[in-house]
């Protein structure tokens, strides 16, 4: 039985690490990304409501 060249061992380990990172980012970070996007969406919605309320109040004050 011939020994396996060091290049193939290093390449296999590197490929396993890359695939591990891809799987981790794909499946296990998904909930974090979704919650961050949900939080951002809520912040934008709150900002739009605040801007609407401020505009409505400014129009009301200007038309008094």
PDB file of N, CA and C in Angstrom:
ATOM      1  N   UNK A   1       0.852  -1.182   0.000  1.00  0.00           N
ATOM      2  CA  UNK A   1       0.000   0.000   0.000  1.00  0.00           C
ATOM      3  C   UNK A   1       0.894   1.240   0.000  1.00  0.00           C
ATOM      4  N   UNK A   2       0.594   2.158  -0.941  1.00  0.00           N
ATOM      5  CA  UNK A   2       1.414   3.365  -1.065  1.00  0.00           C
ATOM      6  C   UNK A   2       0.959   4.419  -0.066  1.00  0.00           C
ATOM      7  N   UNK A   3       1.894   5.216   0.441  1.00  0.00           N
ATOM      8  CA  UNK A   3       1.503   6.306   1.340  1.00  0.00           C
ATOM      9  C   UNK A   3       0.792   7.430   0.569  1.00  0.00           C
ATOM     10  N   UNK A   4      -0.108   8.096   1.234  1.00  0.00           N
ATOM     11  CA  UNK A   4      -0.860   9.195   0.613  1.00  0.00           C
ATOM     12  C   UNK A   4       0.016  10.437   0.639  1.00  0.00           C
ATOM     13  N   UNK A   5       0.151  11.123  -0.509  1.00  0.00           N
ATOM     14  CA  UNK A   5       0.954  12.348  -0.535  1.00  0.00           C
ATOM     15  C   UNK A   5       0.390  13.412   0.413  1.00  0.00           C
ATOM     16  N   UNK A   6       1.273  14.190   0.985  1.00  0.00           N
ATOM     17  CA  UNK A   6       0.897  15.230   1.938  1.00  0.00           C
ATOM     18  C   UNK A   6      -0.055  16.248   1.306  1.00  0.00           C
ATOM     19  N   UNK A   7       0.116  16.528   0.018  1.00  0.00           N
ATOM     20  CA  UNK A   7      -0.749  17.496  -0.666  1.00  0.00           C
ATOM     21  C   UNK A   7      -2.212  17.084  -0.560  1.00  0.00           C
ATOM     22  N   UNK A   8      -2.504  15.810  -0.768  1.00  0.00           N
ATOM     23  CA  UNK A   8      -3.891  15.359  -0.721  1.00  0.00           C
ATOM     24  C   UNK A   8      -4.468  15.438   0.688  1.00  0.00           C
ATOM     25  N   UNK A   9      -3.648  15.215   1.679  1.00  0.00           N
ATOM     26  CA  UNK A   9      -4.111  15.342   3.061  1.00  0.00           C
ATOM     27  C   UNK A   9      -4.443  16.790   3.379  1.00  0.00           C
ATOM     28  N   UNK A  10      -3.539  17.706   3.010  1.00  0.00           N
ATOM     29  CA  UNK A  10      -3.751  19.135   3.252  1.00  0.00           C
ATOM     30  C   UNK A  10      -4.956  19.642   2.460  1.00  0.00           C
ATOM     31  N   UNK A  11      -5.082  19.219   1.213  1.00  0.00           N
ATOM     32  CA  UNK A  11      -6.203  19.656   0.380  1.00  0.00           C
ATOM     33  C   UNK A  11      -7.528  19.140   0.946  1.00  0.00           C
ATOM     34  N   UNK A  12      -7.539  17.915   1.438  1.00  0.00           N
ATOM     35  CA  UNK A  12      -8.766  17.355   2.013  1.00  0.00           C
ATOM     36  C   UNK A  12      -9.177  18.102   3.276  1.00  0.00           C
ATOM     37  N   UNK A  13      -8.222  18.428   4.123  1.00  0.00           N
ATOM     38  CA  UNK A  13      -8.518  19.172   5.346  1.00  0.00           C
ATOM     39  C   UNK A  13      -9.019  20.570   5.006  1.00  0.00           C
ATOM     40  N   UNK A  14      -8.383  21.229   4.038  1.00  0.00           N
ATOM     41  CA  UNK A  14      -8.803  22.573   3.636  1.00  0.00           C
ATOM     42  C   UNK A  14     -10.218  22.541   3.054  1.00  0.00           C
ATOM     43  N   UNK A  15     -10.509  21.543   2.240  1.00  0.00           N
ATOM     44  CA  UNK A  15     -11.846  21.423   1.653  1.00  0.00           C
ATOM     45  C   UNK A  15     -12.890  21.169   2.734  1.00  0.00           C
ATOM     46  N   UNK A  16     -12.546  20.337   3.703  1.00  0.00           N
ATOM     47  CA  UNK A  16     -13.477  20.072   4.800  1.00  0.00           C
ATOM     48  C   UNK A  16     -13.743  21.336   5.613  1.00  0.00           C
ATOM     49  N   UNK A  17     -12.720  22.130   5.852  1.00  0.00           N
ATOM     50  CA  UNK A  17     -12.907  23.385   6.591  1.00  0.00           C
ATOM     51  C   UNK A  17     -13.796  24.357   5.813  1.00  0.00           C
ATOM     52  N   UNK A  18     -13.549  24.485   4.522  1.00  0.00           N
ATOM     53  CA  UNK A  18     -14.359  25.393   3.698  1.00  0.00           C
ATOM     54  C   UNK A  18     -15.804  24.928   3.679  1.00  0.00           C
ATOM     55  N   UNK A  19     -16.021  23.636   3.504  1.00  0.00           N
ATOM     56  CA  UNK A  19     -17.391  23.138   3.491  1.00  0.00           C
ATOM     57  C   UNK A  19     -18.058  23.312   4.866  1.00  0.00           C
ATOM     58  N   UNK A  20     -17.304  23.141   5.920  1.00  0.00           N
ATOM     59  CA  UNK A  20     -17.842  23.362   7.258  1.00  0.00           C
ATOM     60  C   UNK A  20     -18.275  24.798   7.467  1.00  0.00           C
ATOM     61  N   UNK A  21     -17.477  25.736   7.011  1.00  0.00           N
ATOM     62  CA  UNK A  21     -17.828  27.154   7.139  1.00  0.00           C
ATOM     63  C   UNK A  21     -19.061  27.476   6.304  1.00  0.00           C
ATOM     64  N   UNK A  22     -19.128  26.934   5.102  1.00  0.00           N
ATOM     65  CA  UNK A  22     -20.291  27.184   4.238  1.00  0.00           C
ATOM     66  C   UNK A  22     -21.558  26.623   4.873  1.00  0.00           C
ATOM     67  N   UNK A  23     -21.491  25.419   5.393  1.00  0.00           N
ATOM     68  CA  UNK A  23     -22.664  24.816   6.041  1.00  0.00           C
ATOM     69  C   UNK A  23     -23.054  25.622   7.272  1.00  0.00           C
ATOM     70  N   UNK A  24     -22.084  26.047   8.054  1.00  0.00           N
ATOM     71  CA  UNK A  24     -22.374  26.839   9.256  1.00  0.00           C
ATOM     72  C   UNK A  24     -23.060  28.146   8.886  1.00  0.00           C
ATOM     73  N   UNK A  25     -22.516  28.852   7.916  1.00  0.00           N
ATOM     74  CA  UNK A  25     -23.103  30.137   7.534  1.00  0.00           C
ATOM     75  C   UNK A  25     -24.462  29.962   6.874  1.00  0.00           C
ATOM     76  N   UNK A  26     -24.652  28.856   6.182  1.00  0.00           N
ATOM     77  CA  UNK A  26     -25.921  28.636   5.492  1.00  0.00           C
ATOM     78  C   UNK A  26     -27.035  28.270   6.450  1.00  0.00           C
ATOM     79  N   UNK A  27     -26.779  27.355   7.370  1.00  0.00           N
ATOM     80  CA  UNK A  27     -27.863  26.822   8.189  1.00  0.00           C
ATOM     81  C   UNK A  27     -27.932  27.434   9.581  1.00  0.00           C
ATOM     82  N   UNK A  28     -26.802  27.648  10.221  1.00  0.00           N
ATOM     83  CA  UNK A  28     -26.832  28.043  11.622  1.00  0.00           C
ATOM     84  C   UNK A  28     -26.856  29.548  11.821  1.00  0.00           C
ATOM     85  N   UNK A  29     -26.457  30.315  10.838  1.00  0.00           N
ATOM     86  CA  UNK A  29     -26.517  31.768  10.949  1.00  0.00           C
ATOM     87  C   UNK A  29     -27.812  32.323  10.377  1.00  0.00           C
ATOM     88  N   UNK A  30     -28.636  31.469   9.788  1.00  0.00           N
ATOM     89  CA  UNK A  30     -29.857  31.929   9.143  1.00  0.00           C
ATOM     90  C   UNK A  30     -30.794  32.605  10.136  1.00  0.00           C
ATOM     91  N   UNK A  31     -30.921  32.053  11.328  1.00  0.00           N
ATOM     92  CA  UNK A  31     -31.830  32.657  12.303  1.00  0.00           C
ATOM     93  C   UNK A  31     -31.309  34.007  12.768  1.00  0.00           C
ATOM     94  N   UNK A  32     -29.998  34.144  12.898  1.00  0.00           N
ATOM     95  CA  UNK A  32     -29.426  35.428  13.285  1.00  0.00           C
ATOM     96  C   UNK A  32     -29.671  36.464  12.206  1.00  0.00           C
ATOM     97  N   UNK A  33     -29.475  36.079  10.950  1.00  0.00           N
ATOM     98  CA  UNK A  33     -29.684  37.012   9.850  1.00  0.00           C
ATOM     99  C   UNK A  33     -31.156  37.395   9.764  1.00  0.00           C
ATOM    100  N   UNK A  34     -32.040  36.423   9.927  1.00  0.00           N
ATOM    101  CA  UNK A  34     -33.470  36.729   9.880  1.00  0.00           C
ATOM    102  C   UNK A  34     -33.881  37.667  11.002  1.00  0.00           C
ATOM    103  N   UNK A  35     -33.363  37.439  12.204  1.00  0.00           N
ATOM    104  CA  UNK A  35     -33.735  38.315  13.313  1.00  0.00           C
ATOM    105  C   UNK A  35     -33.160  39.718  13.117  1.00  0.00           C
ATOM    106  N   UNK A  36     -31.947  39.816  12.541  1.00  0.00           N
ATOM    107  CA  UNK A  36     -31.377  41.128  12.252  1.00  0.00           C
ATOM    108  C   UNK A  36     -32.208  41.863  11.210  1.00  0.00           C
ATOM    109  N   UNK A  37     -32.650  41.150  10.175  1.00  0.00           N
ATOM    110  CA  UNK A  37     -33.484  41.784   9.156  1.00  0.00           C
ATOM    111  C   UNK A  37     -34.836  42.190   9.730  1.00  0.00           C
ATOM    112  N   UNK A  38     -35.390  41.367  10.606  1.00  0.00           N
ATOM    113  CA  UNK A  38     -36.665  41.707  11.239  1.00  0.00           C
ATOM    114  C   UNK A  38     -36.513  42.962  12.097  1.00  0.00           C
ATOM    115  N   UNK A  39     -35.409  43.029  12.839  1.00  0.00           N
ATOM    116  CA  UNK A  39     -35.154  44.195  13.679  1.00  0.00           C
ATOM    117  C   UNK A  39     -34.971  45.450  12.827  1.00  0.00           C
ATOM    118  N   UNK A  40     -34.251  45.323  11.715  1.00  0.00           N
ATOM    119  CA  UNK A  40     -34.052  46.459  10.816  1.00  0.00           C
ATOM    120  C   UNK A  40     -35.381  46.907  10.218  1.00  0.00           C
ATOM    121  N   UNK A  41     -36.208  45.949   9.825  1.00  0.00           N
ATOM    122  CA  UNK A  41     -37.510  46.281   9.251  1.00  0.00           C
ATOM    123  C   UNK A  41     -38.369  47.020  10.269  1.00  0.00           C
ATOM    124  N   UNK A  42     -38.343  46.574  11.519  1.00  0.00           N
ATOM    125  CA  UNK A  42     -39.122  47.248  12.563  1.00  0.00           C
ATOM    126  C   UNK A  42     -38.600  48.659  12.818  1.00  0.00           C
ATOM    127  N   UNK A  43     -37.275  48.833  12.794  1.00  0.00           N
ATOM    128  CA  UNK A  43     -36.705  50.168  12.982  1.00  0.00           C
ATOM    129  C   UNK A  43     -37.118  51.103  11.852  1.00  0.00           C
ATOM    130  N   UNK A  44     -37.107  50.599  10.619  1.00  0.00           N
ATOM    131  CA  UNK A  44     -37.516  51.430   9.479  1.00  0.00           C
ATOM    132  C   UNK A  44     -38.987  51.783   9.604  1.00  0.00           C
ATOM    133  N   UNK A  45     -39.813  50.808   9.969  1.00  0.00           N
ATOM    134  CA  UNK A  45     -41.247  51.072  10.123  1.00  0.00           C
ATOM    135  C   UNK A  45     -41.487  52.129  11.198  1.00  0.00           C
ATOM    136  N   UNK A  46     -40.780  52.021  12.323  1.00  0.00           N
ATOM    137  CA  UNK A  46     -40.928  53.011  13.392  1.00  0.00           C
ATOM    138  C   UNK A  46     -40.489  54.391  12.915  1.00  0.00           C
ATOM    139  N   UNK A  47     -39.413  54.439  12.152  1.00  0.00           N
ATOM    140  CA  UNK A  47     -38.937  55.716  11.619  1.00  0.00           C
ATOM    141  C   UNK A  47     -39.936  56.341  10.672  1.00  0.00           C
ATOM    142  N   UNK A  48     -40.557  55.535   9.829  1.00  0.00           N
ATOM    143  CA  UNK A  48     -41.568  56.053   8.900  1.00  0.00           C
ATOM    144  C   UNK A  48     -42.771  56.575   9.668  1.00  0.00           C
ATOM    145  N   UNK A  49     -43.205  55.853  10.689  1.00  0.00           N
ATOM    146  CA  UNK A  49     -44.344  56.319  11.491  1.00  0.00           C
ATOM    147  C   UNK A  49     -43.999  57.622  12.220  1.00  0.00           C
ATOM    148  N   UNK A  50     -42.787  57.717  12.748  1.00  0.00           N
ATOM    149  CA  UNK A  50     -42.373  58.948  13.424  1.00  0.00           C
ATOM    150  C   UNK A  50     -42.331  60.121  12.452  1.00  0.00           C
ATOM    151  N   UNK A  51     -41.825  59.887  11.250  1.00  0.00           N
ATOM    152  CA  UNK A  51     -41.764  60.955  10.251  1.00  0.00           C
ATOM    153  C   UNK A  51     -43.170  61.383   9.834  1.00  0.00           C
ATOM    154  N   UNK A  52     -44.068  60.426   9.684  1.00  0.00           N
ATOM    155  CA  UNK A  52     -45.450  60.747   9.334  1.00  0.00           C
ATOM    156  C   UNK A  52     -46.116  61.584  10.422  1.00  0.00           C
ATOM    157  N   UNK A  53     -45.921  61.161  11.673  1.00  0.00           N
ATOM    158  CA  UNK A  53     -46.510  61.906  12.784  1.00  0.00           C
ATOM    159  C   UNK A  53     -45.941  63.322  12.867  1.00  0.00           C
ATOM    160  N   UNK A  54     -44.631  63.455  12.663  1.00  0.00           N
ATOM    161  CA  UNK A  54     -44.013  64.782  12.716  1.00  0.00           C
ATOM    162  C   UNK A  54     -44.526  65.665  11.584  1.00  0.00           C
ATOM    163  N   UNK A  55     -44.695  65.090  10.401  1.00  0.00           N
ATOM    164  CA  UNK A  55     -45.218  65.860   9.269  1.00  0.00           C
ATOM    165  C   UNK A  55     -46.662  66.275   9.522  1.00  0.00           C
ATOM    166  N   UNK A  56     -47.456  65.369  10.057  1.00  0.00           N
ATOM    167  CA  UNK A  56     -48.851  65.671  10.353  1.00  0.00           C
ATOM    168  C   UNK A  56     -48.952  66.791  11.388  1.00  0.00           C
ATOM    169  N   UNK A  57     -48.097  66.726  12.418  1.00  0.00           N
ATOM    170  CA  UNK A  57     -48.099  67.774  13.436  1.00  0.00           C
ATOM    171  C   UNK A  57     -47.633  69.109  12.863  1.00  0.00           C
ATOM    172  N   UNK A  58     -46.648  69.080  11.980  1.00  0.00           N
ATOM    173  CA  UNK A  58     -46.160  70.326  11.381  1.00  0.00           C
ATOM    174  C   UNK A  58     -47.228  70.962  10.499  1.00  0.00           C
ATOM    175  N   UNK A  59     -47.950  70.149   9.746  1.00  0.00           N
ATOM    176  CA  UNK A  59     -49.026  70.679   8.901  1.00  0.00           C
ATOM    177  C   UNK A  59     -50.144  71.258   9.782  1.00  0.00           C
ATOM    178  N   UNK A  60     -50.458  70.555  10.869  1.00  0.00           N
ATOM    179  CA  UNK A  60     -51.495  71.034  11.770  1.00  0.00           C
ATOM    180  C   UNK A  60     -51.091  72.374  12.390  1.00  0.00           C
ATOM    181  N   UNK A  61     -49.806  72.506  12.797  1.00  0.00           N
ATOM    182  CA  UNK A  61     -49.328  73.757  13.380  1.00  0.00           C
ATOM    183  C   UNK A  61     -49.299  74.874  12.349  1.00  0.00           C
ATOM    184  N   UNK A  62     -48.963  74.540  11.112  1.00  0.00           N
ATOM    185  CA  UNK A  62     -48.866  75.566  10.069  1.00  0.00           C
ATOM    186  C   UNK A  62     -50.236  76.065   9.640  1.00  0.00           C
ATOM    187  N   UNK A  63     -51.245  75.254   9.768  1.00  0.00           N
ATOM    188  CA  UNK A  63     -52.580  75.665   9.308  1.00  0.00           C
ATOM    189  C   UNK A  63     -53.436  76.262  10.420  1.00  0.00           C
ATOM    190  N   UNK A  64     -52.875  76.453  11.609  1.00  0.00           N
ATOM    191  CA  UNK A  64     -53.637  77.065  12.706  1.00  0.00           C
ATOM    192  C   UNK A  64     -53.845  78.530  12.466  1.00  0.00           C
TER     193      UNK A  64
END
